[in-house]
Protein backbone atom coordinates (compact mmCIF):
# COMPACT_ATOMS: atom_id res chain seq x y z
CA UNK A 1 -15.86 -13.46 -10.89
CA UNK A 2 -20.09 -13.30 -11.72
CA UNK A 3 -22.06 -11.28 -9.65
CA UNK A 4 -25.60 -13.45 -10.10
CA UNK A 5 -28.04 -11.20 -7.44
CA UNK A 6 -29.85 -8.90 -8.91
CA UNK A 7 -29.50 -6.08 -6.99
CA UNK A 8 -25.79 -6.79 -6.48
CA UNK A 9 -25.24 -6.93 -9.85
CA UNK A 10 -27.19 -3.22 -10.54
CA UNK A 11 -25.20 -2.07 -7.84
CA UNK A 12 -22.16 -2.74 -9.34
CA UNK A 13 -23.31 -1.28 -12.76
CA UNK A 14 -24.52 1.73 -11.26
CA UNK A 15 -21.57 2.38 -9.55
CA UNK A 16 -19.43 2.12 -12.78
CA UNK A 17 -22.00 4.63 -14.72
CA UNK A 18 -21.23 7.49 -12.24
CA UNK A 19 -20.63 10.81 -13.89
CA UNK A 20 -17.72 12.82 -12.73
CA UNK A 21 -19.18 15.47 -10.59
CA UNK A 22 -17.30 18.60 -12.34
CA UNK A 23 -17.97 20.88 -9.60
CA UNK A 24 -15.68 18.50 -7.07
CA UNK A 25 -13.01 17.88 -9.39
CA UNK A 26 -12.73 22.00 -10.18
CA UNK A 27 -12.41 22.75 -6.77
CA UNK A 28 -9.83 19.92 -5.96
CA UNK A 29 -7.64 21.44 -8.71
CA UNK A 30 -8.05 25.11 -7.88
CA UNK A 31 -8.04 24.85 -4.13
CA UNK A 32 -4.94 22.73 -4.00
CA UNK A 33 -2.77 24.31 -6.91
CA UNK A 34 0.33 25.31 -4.61
CA UNK A 35 -0.03 22.46 -2.15
CA UNK A 36 1.37 20.26 -4.98
CA UNK A 37 5.52 20.71 -3.88
CA UNK A 38 6.95 17.88 -1.51
CA UNK A 39 9.07 19.20 1.19
CA UNK A 40 12.27 17.90 1.93
CA UNK A 41 12.27 19.18 5.38
CA UNK A 42 9.24 17.16 5.97
CA UNK A 43 10.01 13.57 4.07
CA UNK A 44 13.57 13.50 5.63
CA UNK A 45 13.07 13.83 9.47
CA UNK A 46 9.83 11.55 9.31
CA UNK A 47 11.44 8.66 7.30
CA UNK A 48 14.72 8.78 9.37
CA UNK A 49 12.91 8.99 12.44
CA UNK A 50 10.56 6.45 11.47
CA UNK A 51 13.58 3.78 11.02
CA UNK A 52 15.40 4.85 13.93
CA UNK A 53 12.67 4.31 16.27
CA UNK A 54 11.75 1.12 14.41
CA UNK A 55 15.13 -0.74 14.48
CA UNK A 56 16.15 0.29 17.60
CA UNK A 57 13.10 -0.94 18.82
CA UNK A 58 13.28 -4.33 16.79
CA UNK A 59 17.53 -4.87 18.58
CA UNK A 60 15.82 -4.11 21.82
CA UNK A 61 12.65 -6.60 21.25
CA UNK A 62 15.66 -9.27 20.17
CA UNK A 63 17.65 -8.72 22.83
CA UNK A 64 14.65 -8.22 25.87
CA UNK A 65 12.29 -11.51 26.76
CA UNK A 66 8.71 -11.48 27.77
CA UNK A 67 6.20 -8.53 28.53
CA UNK A 68 9.66 -6.30 27.19
CA UNK A 69 9.76 -7.75 24.16
CA UNK A 70 6.38 -7.62 23.47
CA UNK A 71 5.91 -3.96 23.55
CA UNK A 72 9.23 -3.25 22.10
CA UNK A 73 8.13 -5.34 19.03
CA UNK A 74 4.85 -3.82 18.77
CA UNK A 75 7.22 -0.39 18.51
CA UNK A 76 9.21 -1.59 16.22
CA UNK A 77 6.51 -2.86 13.84
CA UNK A 78 4.27 0.79 14.21
CA UNK A 79 7.70 2.82 13.78
CA UNK A 80 8.81 0.62 10.62
CA UNK A 81 5.42 0.18 9.14
CA UNK A 82 5.36 4.19 9.43
CA UNK A 83 8.89 4.32 7.60
CA UNK A 84 7.87 1.49 4.91
CA UNK A 85 4.47 3.29 3.83
CA UNK A 86 6.96 6.22 2.12
CA UNK A 87 6.97 3.53 -0.47
CA UNK A 88 3.69 4.70 -1.44
CA UNK A 89 5.21 8.33 -1.85
CA UNK A 90 7.85 7.16 -3.80
CA UNK A 91 5.57 6.32 -6.77
CA UNK A 92 4.23 10.04 -6.99
CA UNK A 93 7.00 12.28 -6.06
CA UNK A 94 7.73 13.99 -9.44
CA UNK A 95 11.59 13.13 -10.71
CA UNK A 96 14.51 15.70 -9.20
CA UNK A 97 11.73 16.81 -6.32
CA UNK A 98 13.44 15.31 -3.30
CA UNK A 99 17.05 14.04 -4.29
CA UNK A 100 18.17 11.39 -3.05
CA UNK A 101 15.60 10.53 -1.23
CA UNK A 102 14.49 7.27 -3.06
CA UNK A 103 18.16 5.94 -2.55
CA UNK A 104 17.92 6.94 1.23
CA UNK A 105 15.00 5.05 1.28
CA UNK A 106 15.94 1.73 -0.20
CA UNK A 107 19.20 1.72 1.95
CA UNK A 108 17.84 2.40 5.02
CA UNK A 109 14.09 0.81 4.57
CA UNK A 110 13.35 -0.65 1.34
CA UNK A 111 16.19 -3.27 1.22
CA UNK A 112 16.62 -4.11 5.33
CA UNK A 113 12.77 -4.71 4.93
CA UNK A 114 12.88 -6.75 1.44
CA UNK A 115 10.25 -4.53 -0.05
CA UNK A 116 12.89 -2.44 -2.51
CA UNK A 117 10.83 0.44 -4.08
CA UNK A 118 11.00 -1.34 -7.96
CA UNK A 119 8.11 -3.86 -6.21
CA UNK A 120 5.52 -0.74 -6.24
CA UNK A 121 7.08 1.56 -9.09
CA UNK A 122 5.46 1.74 -12.38
CA UNK A 123 3.05 -0.97 -10.52
CA UNK A 124 0.81 1.49 -8.17
CA UNK A 125 0.07 4.06 -10.90
CA UNK A 126 -1.49 1.56 -12.88
CA UNK A 127 -4.14 1.58 -10.37
CA UNK A 128 -4.52 5.49 -10.65
CA UNK A 129 -5.18 4.92 -14.57
CA UNK A 130 -8.44 6.27 -15.56
CA UNK A 131 -8.98 2.79 -17.57
CA UNK A 132 -7.54 0.48 -15.37
CA UNK A 133 -8.73 1.42 -12.03
CA UNK A 134 -11.30 -1.29 -10.68
CA UNK A 135 -10.88 -3.49 -13.73
CA UNK A 136 -8.97 -6.83 -14.53
CA UNK A 137 -6.16 -5.26 -15.82
CA UNK A 138 -5.67 -3.07 -11.92
CA UNK A 139 -2.71 -4.51 -9.99
CA UNK A 140 -4.33 -3.86 -6.87
CA UNK A 141 -8.14 -4.21 -7.09
CA UNK A 142 -10.22 -6.79 -6.73
CA UNK A 143 -14.10 -6.47 -6.03
CA UNK A 144 -13.88 -8.16 -2.47
CA UNK A 145 -17.44 -6.86 -1.29
CA UNK A 146 -18.59 -9.31 -4.29
CA UNK A 147 -16.54 -12.16 -3.02
CA UNK A 148 -17.22 -15.02 -1.24
CA UNK A 149 -16.63 -14.76 3.16
CA UNK A 150 -13.93 -16.58 3.13
CA UNK A 151 -12.31 -14.43 0.86
CA UNK A 152 -11.50 -12.06 3.48
CA UNK A 153 -9.52 -14.02 6.03
CA UNK A 154 -7.54 -15.17 3.25
CA UNK A 155 -6.83 -11.74 2.58
CA UNK A 156 -5.49 -11.09 6.07
CA UNK A 157 -3.31 -14.71 6.28
CA UNK A 158 -1.90 -14.19 3.01
CA UNK A 159 0.12 -10.94 4.16
CA UNK A 160 0.86 -12.98 7.44
CA UNK A 161 2.94 -15.23 5.44
CA UNK A 162 4.89 -12.38 3.47
CA UNK A 163 8.03 -12.05 5.51
CA UNK A 164 8.70 -15.98 4.51
CA UNK A 165 7.48 -14.95 0.79
CA UNK A 166 9.98 -12.42 0.04
CA UNK A 167 12.72 -14.43 1.73
CA UNK A 168 11.95 -16.92 -0.49
CA UNK A 169 11.79 -14.34 -3.41
CA UNK A 170 15.24 -12.44 -2.83
CA UNK A 171 17.49 -14.99 -1.12
CA UNK A 172 16.24 -18.37 -3.30
CA UNK A 173 14.54 -17.24 -6.76
CA UNK A 174 16.68 -14.08 -7.60
CA UNK A 175 20.20 -16.20 -7.48
CA UNK A 176 18.19 -19.22 -9.15
CA UNK A 177 16.67 -16.91 -12.04
CA UNK A 178 20.58 -16.09 -12.89
CA UNK A 179 21.09 -19.57 -13.36
CA UNK A 180 17.98 -20.52 -15.16
CA UNK A 181 16.13 -17.96 -17.75
CA UNK A 182 12.72 -19.38 -17.84
CA UNK A 183 12.65 -18.89 -14.20
CA UNK A 184 14.05 -15.36 -14.02
CA UNK A 185 10.79 -14.49 -16.96
CA UNK A 186 8.46 -16.09 -13.99
CA UNK A 187 9.73 -14.15 -11.02
CA UNK A 188 9.78 -10.94 -13.15
CA UNK A 189 6.44 -11.45 -14.35
CA UNK A 190 4.82 -13.04 -11.66
CA UNK A 191 6.92 -12.13 -7.99
CA UNK A 192 8.38 -8.86 -8.59
CA UNK A 193 5.09 -6.71 -8.00
CA UNK A 194 3.34 -5.72 -4.22
CA UNK A 195 -0.07 -6.09 -6.05
CA UNK A 196 -3.38 -7.98 -4.80
CA UNK A 197 -4.60 -8.86 -8.19
CA UNK A 198 -3.07 -13.04 -8.93
CA UNK A 199 -4.12 -12.05 -12.31
CA UNK A 200 -1.53 -9.24 -12.70
CA UNK A 201 1.24 -9.79 -14.71
CA UNK A 202 4.57 -7.69 -15.18
CA UNK A 203 6.69 -6.71 -18.17
CA UNK A 204 10.36 -6.82 -17.92
CA UNK A 205 11.68 -3.34 -16.80
CA UNK A 206 13.53 -1.17 -19.81
CA UNK A 207 16.03 1.18 -19.76
CA UNK A 208 16.96 3.83 -16.46
CA UNK A 209 14.31 1.64 -14.21
CA UNK A 210 16.34 -1.68 -15.22
CA UNK A 211 19.00 -0.40 -13.89
CA UNK A 212 17.51 0.52 -10.60
CA UNK A 213 15.65 -2.43 -10.70
CA UNK A 214 18.81 -4.62 -10.74
CA UNK A 215 20.87 -2.99 -7.52
CA UNK A 216 17.82 -2.81 -5.78
CA UNK A 217 17.16 -6.41 -6.20
CA UNK A 218 20.99 -6.91 -5.84
CA UNK A 219 20.69 -5.19 -2.81
CA UNK A 220 17.35 -7.09 -1.48
CA UNK A 221 19.06 -10.36 -2.16
CA UNK A 222 22.21 -9.84 -0.61
CA UNK A 223 20.29 -8.96 2.50
CA UNK A 224 17.86 -12.06 2.69
CA UNK A 225 20.63 -14.49 2.28
CA UNK A 226 22.70 -12.46 5.38
CA UNK A 227 19.06 -12.97 7.14
CA UNK A 228 19.33 -16.65 6.39
CA UNK A 229 22.91 -16.85 7.56
CA UNK A 230 22.72 -15.67 10.23
CA UNK A 231 20.86 -18.01 11.82
CA UNK A 232 24.42 -19.87 11.94
CA UNK A 233 25.97 -17.17 13.95
CA UNK A 234 23.24 -15.77 16.37
CA UNK A 235 20.48 -18.33 16.63
CA UNK A 236 17.04 -18.45 15.57
CA UNK A 237 15.67 -15.37 18.02
CA UNK A 238 16.97 -12.62 15.84
CA UNK A 239 15.35 -13.89 12.55
CA UNK A 240 12.52 -14.95 14.05
CA UNK A 241 11.75 -11.58 15.54
CA UNK A 242 12.37 -9.63 12.70
CA UNK A 243 9.75 -12.14 10.67
CA UNK A 244 7.48 -11.69 13.60
CA UNK A 245 7.34 -7.83 13.52
CA UNK A 246 7.31 -7.56 9.50
CA UNK A 247 4.59 -10.50 9.74
CA UNK A 248 2.47 -7.88 11.93
CA UNK A 249 3.59 -4.58 10.00
CA UNK A 250 2.04 -6.55 6.73
CA UNK A 251 -1.03 -7.18 8.80
CA UNK A 252 -1.90 -3.98 9.33
CA UNK A 253 -0.99 -2.74 6.45
CA UNK A 254 -3.81 -5.46 4.76
CA UNK A 255 -6.11 -4.68 7.04
CA UNK A 256 -5.56 -1.04 6.15
CA UNK A 257 -5.45 -1.73 2.12
CA UNK A 258 -8.88 -3.83 3.13
CA UNK A 259 -10.46 -0.31 4.16
CA UNK A 260 -8.53 1.91 1.48
CA UNK A 261 -11.32 1.08 -1.02
CA UNK A 262 -15.15 -0.21 -1.12
CA UNK A 263 -14.31 -2.92 -3.59
CA UNK A 264 -17.38 -2.92 -5.35
CA UNK A 265 -16.88 -2.48 -9.28
CA UNK A 266 -16.53 -5.74 -10.70
CA UNK A 267 -14.16 -4.72 -13.97
CA UNK A 268 -16.23 -1.64 -15.84
CA UNK A 269 -13.91 1.27 -16.13
CA UNK A 270 -14.77 4.31 -13.53
CA UNK A 271 -15.05 7.78 -13.70
CA UNK A 272 -12.76 9.65 -11.16
CA UNK A 273 -15.65 10.63 -9.15
CA UNK A 274 -16.93 7.02 -9.15
CA UNK A 275 -13.65 5.99 -8.14
CA UNK A 276 -13.86 8.40 -5.33
CA UNK A 277 -16.51 6.92 -4.36
CA UNK A 278 -15.14 3.45 -3.97
CA UNK A 279 -12.45 4.89 -2.09
CA UNK A 280 -12.27 5.94 1.49
CA UNK A 281 -10.95 9.03 3.55
CA UNK A 282 -10.91 8.44 7.28
CA UNK A 283 -10.26 12.00 8.37
CA UNK A 284 -9.92 13.84 12.05
CA UNK A 285 -11.60 12.92 14.91
CA UNK A 286 -10.88 9.31 14.11
CA UNK A 287 -7.98 9.21 16.81
CA UNK A 288 -6.04 5.62 15.39
CA UNK A 289 -6.26 6.18 11.80
CA UNK A 290 -3.01 7.84 11.50
CA UNK A 291 -1.22 5.12 13.10
CA UNK A 292 -2.86 2.03 10.79
CA UNK A 293 -3.32 4.51 8.15
CA UNK A 294 -0.01 6.91 8.52
CA UNK A 295 2.03 9.47 5.96
CA UNK A 296 -1.28 10.61 4.62
CA UNK A 297 -3.04 7.05 3.33
CA UNK A 298 -5.87 8.12 5.88
CA UNK A 299 -6.88 10.54 2.80
CA UNK A 300 -6.90 7.50 0.51
CA UNK A 301 -10.01 8.56 -1.56
CA UNK A 302 -8.71 12.57 -1.91
CA UNK A 303 -5.05 10.69 -2.86
CA UNK A 304 -7.56 9.36 -5.66
CA UNK A 305 -8.65 12.74 -6.71
CA UNK A 306 -5.28 14.65 -5.94
CA UNK A 307 -2.69 11.44 -6.86
CA UNK A 308 0.19 14.40 -7.01
CA UNK A 309 0.28 16.03 -3.75
CA UNK A 310 2.13 15.18 -0.72
CA UNK A 311 0.99 13.62 2.32
CA UNK A 312 1.90 16.22 4.21
CA UNK A 313 -0.32 18.46 2.28
CA UNK A 314 -3.57 15.81 1.92
CA UNK A 315 -4.85 17.41 5.36
CA UNK A 316 -5.01 20.78 4.45
CA UNK A 317 -6.66 19.91 1.20
CA UNK A 318 -9.36 17.89 2.92
CA UNK A 319 -10.13 20.77 4.93
CA UNK A 320 -10.78 23.05 2.07
CA UNK A 321 -12.60 20.70 0.37
CA UNK A 322 -14.98 19.97 3.34
CA UNK A 323 -15.31 23.63 3.85
CA UNK A 324 -16.10 24.95 0.42
CA UNK A 325 -18.26 21.70 -1.37
CA UNK A 326 -21.44 22.20 -1.47
CA UNK A 327 -23.34 19.50 1.58
CA UNK A 328 -24.85 17.20 -1.64
CA UNK A 329 -20.81 17.06 -3.03
CA UNK A 330 -20.67 13.78 -3.12
CA UNK A 331 -17.04 14.66 -1.64
CA UNK A 332 -18.21 14.31 1.72
CA UNK A 333 -19.80 10.78 1.12
CA UNK A 334 -16.17 9.56 0.68
CA UNK A 335 -15.44 10.02 4.12
CA UNK A 336 -15.90 7.68 7.48
CA UNK A 337 -15.19 6.88 10.90
CA UNK A 338 -12.82 4.62 11.33
CA UNK A 339 -11.52 0.99 10.26
CA UNK A 340 -13.85 -1.59 12.37
CA UNK A 341 -17.19 -0.21 10.38
CA UNK A 342 -15.37 -0.26 7.24
CA UNK A 343 -14.29 -4.04 7.71
CA UNK A 344 -17.79 -4.76 9.09
CA UNK A 345 -19.30 -2.94 5.82
CA UNK A 346 -17.66 -5.21 3.26
CA UNK A 347 -17.75 -8.55 5.75
CA UNK A 348 -21.66 -7.99 5.09
CA UNK A 349 -21.53 -7.17 1.22
CA UNK A 350 -19.54 -10.79 1.18
CA UNK A 351 -22.51 -12.66 2.72
CA UNK A 352 -25.30 -11.21 0.29
CA UNK A 353 -26.32 -14.62 -1.41
CA UNK A 354 -25.04 -14.19 -5.32
């Protein structure tokens, strides 16, 4: 995509040319050294309780009608959304830090929601690579603020169709790929990553990761086939309720993704400070951010400074940096008040004549 408006082009070049702020980076490292340990006593209860509440509410929605069905569906969506958000933590947890958590999450959340962690692992870390962020090689970046106004509604609409796409991916394409090798190669390259960059192509897995990919994909395929087969036993309501909750969950996550960055980079490599300023924190007192950006995702800009800090320690890290850094530090410019002002800011950027 080419930006024709000189002011927009200049702004893009300016952001990509931002030098690193040594004081901010040094403070981020020095003030958080002891915060990098993931605590099983927080991870396991949080994930398990979120999943338990979500599935209980989903069952209630399936068994009820009218207002109770809608209310229980909303509870199921929010709880399962929180449980699903731990996929982001899985990509950053140090090996051996949380024994069994990856397996447990996949069995309890990833496979039943058709988002096994192989779809995100070894993909999301590329988004954090110094030379990839904001470039054409970043699987999780599009210059949305510099695109056409219709791109934002399309961005959300695509997310609403996720359960349909995931069922087709695992119930149809996975089995067919076993019979048709060229299709399998296409599935691995183009339909095996939770990414937003349509040009991104994934390499075939190797070694230990290939083994993990195999059993996760097999489990998701069997579950997807069971979902389709359930129509012949239980009728359409359970499947359609599941898909409605899943669709709503994916839409709120896509809205959260929309405001996770300012999306103002046009493809040049960026410094860590520039990446931070193109990213978004929505810290307290924003009252709803913990709901629509759970499991630490409200501190997305801070996460780009400190990707190894677990979600439960990001609030403490943020408080320390706010209290320590000078008023003119770029750290303060990464903090925003809520979702909708950010959506408005990005939407207005798309309306600038190019």
